[in-house]
Amino acid sequence: MEVISLQPKYILFIQILIGILIIMAPIIITGELYDVSKTMGDLLVAELIIRTLSFIIGLVVISKGFENYSK
């Protein structure tokens, strides 16, 4: 078997795409942006937490990509 080695710029590009997909995942799954009028009570809090966590995790993935690229 042959190991495929990618150039660092391609790895950075892939990690940025993965980060953007993670950030956009709640929008892709629900099919809409954050809408207060359609959600109420505890679901509103849960949706806000999930969207915030996906945003943070996506930014961490992107920052790790830049960190690995700068090495």
N, C-alpha and C. Protein backbone atom coordinates (compact mmCIF):
# COMPACT_ATOMS: atom_id res chain seq x y z
N MET A 1 0.83 -1.18 0.00
CA MET A 1 0.00 0.00 0.00
C MET A 1 0.88 1.24 0.00
N GLU A 2 0.40 2.23 -0.68
CA GLU A 2 1.15 3.47 -0.79
C GLU A 2 0.47 4.54 0.06
N VAL A 3 1.27 5.25 0.82
CA VAL A 3 0.74 6.31 1.68
C VAL A 3 0.67 7.59 0.87
N ILE A 4 -0.47 8.23 0.92
CA ILE A 4 -0.65 9.48 0.18
C ILE A 4 -0.24 10.63 1.09
N SER A 5 0.67 11.46 0.62
CA SER A 5 1.07 12.62 1.41
C SER A 5 0.58 13.87 0.70
N LEU A 6 -0.11 14.71 1.44
CA LEU A 6 -0.65 15.94 0.89
C LEU A 6 0.22 17.11 1.28
N GLN A 7 0.23 18.10 0.45
CA GLN A 7 0.96 19.32 0.78
C GLN A 7 0.24 20.02 1.91
N PRO A 8 0.97 20.76 2.75
CA PRO A 8 0.35 21.43 3.90
C PRO A 8 -0.78 22.38 3.53
N LYS A 9 -0.70 23.03 2.36
CA LYS A 9 -1.78 23.96 2.00
C LYS A 9 -3.08 23.21 1.71
N TYR A 10 -2.99 21.98 1.20
CA TYR A 10 -4.20 21.20 0.96
C TYR A 10 -4.81 20.72 2.28
N ILE A 11 -3.96 20.36 3.21
CA ILE A 11 -4.44 19.95 4.53
C ILE A 11 -5.13 21.12 5.22
N LEU A 12 -4.53 22.32 5.12
CA LEU A 12 -5.14 23.52 5.69
C LEU A 12 -6.50 23.77 5.06
N PHE A 13 -6.59 23.67 3.75
CA PHE A 13 -7.85 23.89 3.04
C PHE A 13 -8.92 22.90 3.50
N ILE A 14 -8.54 21.64 3.64
CA ILE A 14 -9.49 20.61 4.09
C ILE A 14 -9.95 20.89 5.52
N GLN A 15 -9.03 21.31 6.40
CA GLN A 15 -9.42 21.60 7.78
C GLN A 15 -10.32 22.82 7.86
N ILE A 16 -10.09 23.82 7.01
CA ILE A 16 -10.98 24.98 6.99
C ILE A 16 -12.37 24.57 6.51
N LEU A 17 -12.44 23.73 5.49
CA LEU A 17 -13.75 23.25 5.02
C LEU A 17 -14.49 22.46 6.09
N ILE A 18 -13.76 21.60 6.81
CA ILE A 18 -14.38 20.83 7.89
C ILE A 18 -14.88 21.76 8.98
N GLY A 19 -14.09 22.77 9.33
CA GLY A 19 -14.51 23.74 10.34
C GLY A 19 -15.76 24.49 9.94
N ILE A 20 -15.83 24.90 8.67
CA ILE A 20 -17.02 25.60 8.19
C ILE A 20 -18.23 24.68 8.19
N LEU A 21 -18.04 23.42 7.82
CA LEU A 21 -19.15 22.46 7.87
C LEU A 21 -19.65 22.26 9.29
N ILE A 22 -18.73 22.21 10.26
CA ILE A 22 -19.14 22.07 11.66
C ILE A 22 -19.91 23.29 12.11
N ILE A 23 -19.46 24.48 11.72
CA ILE A 23 -20.16 25.71 12.08
C ILE A 23 -21.56 25.73 11.46
N MET A 24 -21.68 25.27 10.22
CA MET A 24 -22.96 25.32 9.52
C MET A 24 -23.85 24.10 9.80
N ALA A 25 -23.38 23.13 10.55
CA ALA A 25 -24.13 21.88 10.77
C ALA A 25 -25.53 22.11 11.34
N PRO A 26 -25.72 22.95 12.38
CA PRO A 26 -27.10 23.14 12.87
C PRO A 26 -28.03 23.74 11.82
N ILE A 27 -27.50 24.62 10.98
CA ILE A 27 -28.32 25.22 9.93
C ILE A 27 -28.65 24.17 8.87
N ILE A 28 -27.68 23.33 8.53
CA ILE A 28 -27.91 22.28 7.54
C ILE A 28 -28.91 21.25 8.06
N ILE A 29 -28.79 20.88 9.34
CA ILE A 29 -29.67 19.85 9.92
C ILE A 29 -31.10 20.36 10.06
N THR A 30 -31.27 21.57 10.62
CA THR A 30 -32.62 22.08 10.85
C THR A 30 -33.22 22.74 9.62
N GLY A 31 -32.38 23.20 8.71
CA GLY A 31 -32.88 23.84 7.50
C GLY A 31 -33.24 25.29 7.68
N GLU A 32 -32.90 25.88 8.81
CA GLU A 32 -33.20 27.29 9.03
C GLU A 32 -32.21 27.89 10.02
N LEU A 33 -32.16 29.21 10.01
CA LEU A 33 -31.32 29.91 10.96
C LEU A 33 -31.98 29.91 12.34
N TYR A 34 -31.32 30.47 13.31
CA TYR A 34 -31.84 30.53 14.67
C TYR A 34 -33.09 31.38 14.68
N ASP A 35 -34.22 30.80 15.06
CA ASP A 35 -35.50 31.51 15.02
C ASP A 35 -36.18 31.38 16.37
N VAL A 36 -36.29 32.51 17.07
CA VAL A 36 -36.88 32.52 18.41
C VAL A 36 -38.38 32.26 18.35
N SER A 37 -39.04 32.66 17.27
CA SER A 37 -40.49 32.54 17.21
C SER A 37 -40.96 31.09 17.04
N LYS A 38 -40.10 30.20 16.50
CA LYS A 38 -40.51 28.82 16.28
C LYS A 38 -40.11 27.88 17.41
N THR A 39 -39.26 28.36 18.32
CA THR A 39 -38.79 27.52 19.41
C THR A 39 -39.15 28.20 20.72
N MET A 40 -39.44 27.40 21.75
CA MET A 40 -39.81 28.03 23.02
C MET A 40 -39.26 27.25 24.20
N GLY A 41 -39.11 27.94 25.30
CA GLY A 41 -38.71 27.32 26.56
C GLY A 41 -37.34 26.68 26.53
N ASP A 42 -37.30 25.45 27.04
CA ASP A 42 -36.04 24.72 27.15
C ASP A 42 -35.42 24.42 25.79
N LEU A 43 -36.26 24.21 24.78
CA LEU A 43 -35.72 23.96 23.45
C LEU A 43 -34.95 25.16 22.91
N LEU A 44 -35.40 26.36 23.28
CA LEU A 44 -34.70 27.57 22.86
C LEU A 44 -33.30 27.60 23.44
N VAL A 45 -33.18 27.27 24.72
CA VAL A 45 -31.88 27.24 25.39
C VAL A 45 -31.01 26.14 24.79
N ALA A 46 -31.57 24.97 24.57
CA ALA A 46 -30.80 23.85 24.01
C ALA A 46 -30.30 24.19 22.61
N GLU A 47 -31.15 24.79 21.81
CA GLU A 47 -30.73 25.14 20.45
C GLU A 47 -29.63 26.19 20.47
N LEU A 48 -29.73 27.16 21.36
CA LEU A 48 -28.69 28.18 21.48
C LEU A 48 -27.37 27.57 21.90
N ILE A 49 -27.42 26.64 22.86
CA ILE A 49 -26.19 25.98 23.33
C ILE A 49 -25.56 25.16 22.22
N ILE A 50 -26.34 24.38 21.49
CA ILE A 50 -25.81 23.55 20.41
C ILE A 50 -25.21 24.41 19.31
N ARG A 51 -25.88 25.47 18.95
CA ARG A 51 -25.35 26.35 17.89
C ARG A 51 -24.07 27.03 18.34
N THR A 52 -24.01 27.45 19.61
CA THR A 52 -22.80 28.08 20.13
C THR A 52 -21.65 27.08 20.20
N LEU A 53 -21.93 25.86 20.66
CA LEU A 53 -20.88 24.84 20.73
C LEU A 53 -20.36 24.47 19.34
N SER A 54 -21.24 24.35 18.37
CA SER A 54 -20.78 24.02 17.03
C SER A 54 -19.93 25.15 16.45
N PHE A 55 -20.27 26.39 16.78
CA PHE A 55 -19.46 27.53 16.33
C PHE A 55 -18.07 27.49 16.96
N ILE A 56 -18.01 27.22 18.26
CA ILE A 56 -16.73 27.17 18.96
C ILE A 56 -15.88 26.00 18.45
N ILE A 57 -16.48 24.83 18.30
CA ILE A 57 -15.73 23.66 17.82
C ILE A 57 -15.23 23.90 16.39
N GLY A 58 -16.05 24.51 15.56
CA GLY A 58 -15.61 24.83 14.20
C GLY A 58 -14.43 25.78 14.18
N LEU A 59 -14.47 26.80 15.06
CA LEU A 59 -13.34 27.73 15.14
C LEU A 59 -12.08 27.04 15.66
N VAL A 60 -12.24 26.11 16.60
CA VAL A 60 -11.07 25.36 17.11
C VAL A 60 -10.45 24.52 16.00
N VAL A 61 -11.28 23.88 15.19
CA VAL A 61 -10.76 23.07 14.08
C VAL A 61 -9.99 23.96 13.10
N ILE A 62 -10.55 25.12 12.78
CA ILE A 62 -9.87 26.04 11.86
C ILE A 62 -8.57 26.55 12.47
N SER A 63 -8.58 26.90 13.75
CA SER A 63 -7.36 27.41 14.38
C SER A 63 -6.28 26.33 14.46
N LYS A 64 -6.68 25.09 14.71
CA LYS A 64 -5.70 23.99 14.72
C LYS A 64 -5.12 23.78 13.32
N GLY A 65 -5.93 23.99 12.31
CA GLY A 65 -5.43 23.89 10.94
C GLY A 65 -4.35 24.93 10.66
N PHE A 66 -4.60 26.18 11.09
CA PHE A 66 -3.59 27.22 10.92
C PHE A 66 -2.36 26.95 11.77
N GLU A 67 -2.58 26.39 12.96
CA GLU A 67 -1.46 26.06 13.84
C GLU A 67 -0.56 25.00 13.21
N ASN A 68 -1.17 23.97 12.65
CA ASN A 68 -0.39 22.91 11.99
C ASN A 68 0.28 23.43 10.71
N TYR A 69 -0.39 24.34 10.02
CA TYR A 69 0.17 24.89 8.78
C TYR A 69 1.40 25.76 9.06
N SER A 70 1.39 26.48 10.18
CA SER A 70 2.50 27.39 10.48
C SER A 70 3.74 26.69 11.01
N LYS A 71 3.64 25.39 11.30
CA LYS A 71 4.81 24.65 11.82
C LYS A 71 5.87 24.47 10.76
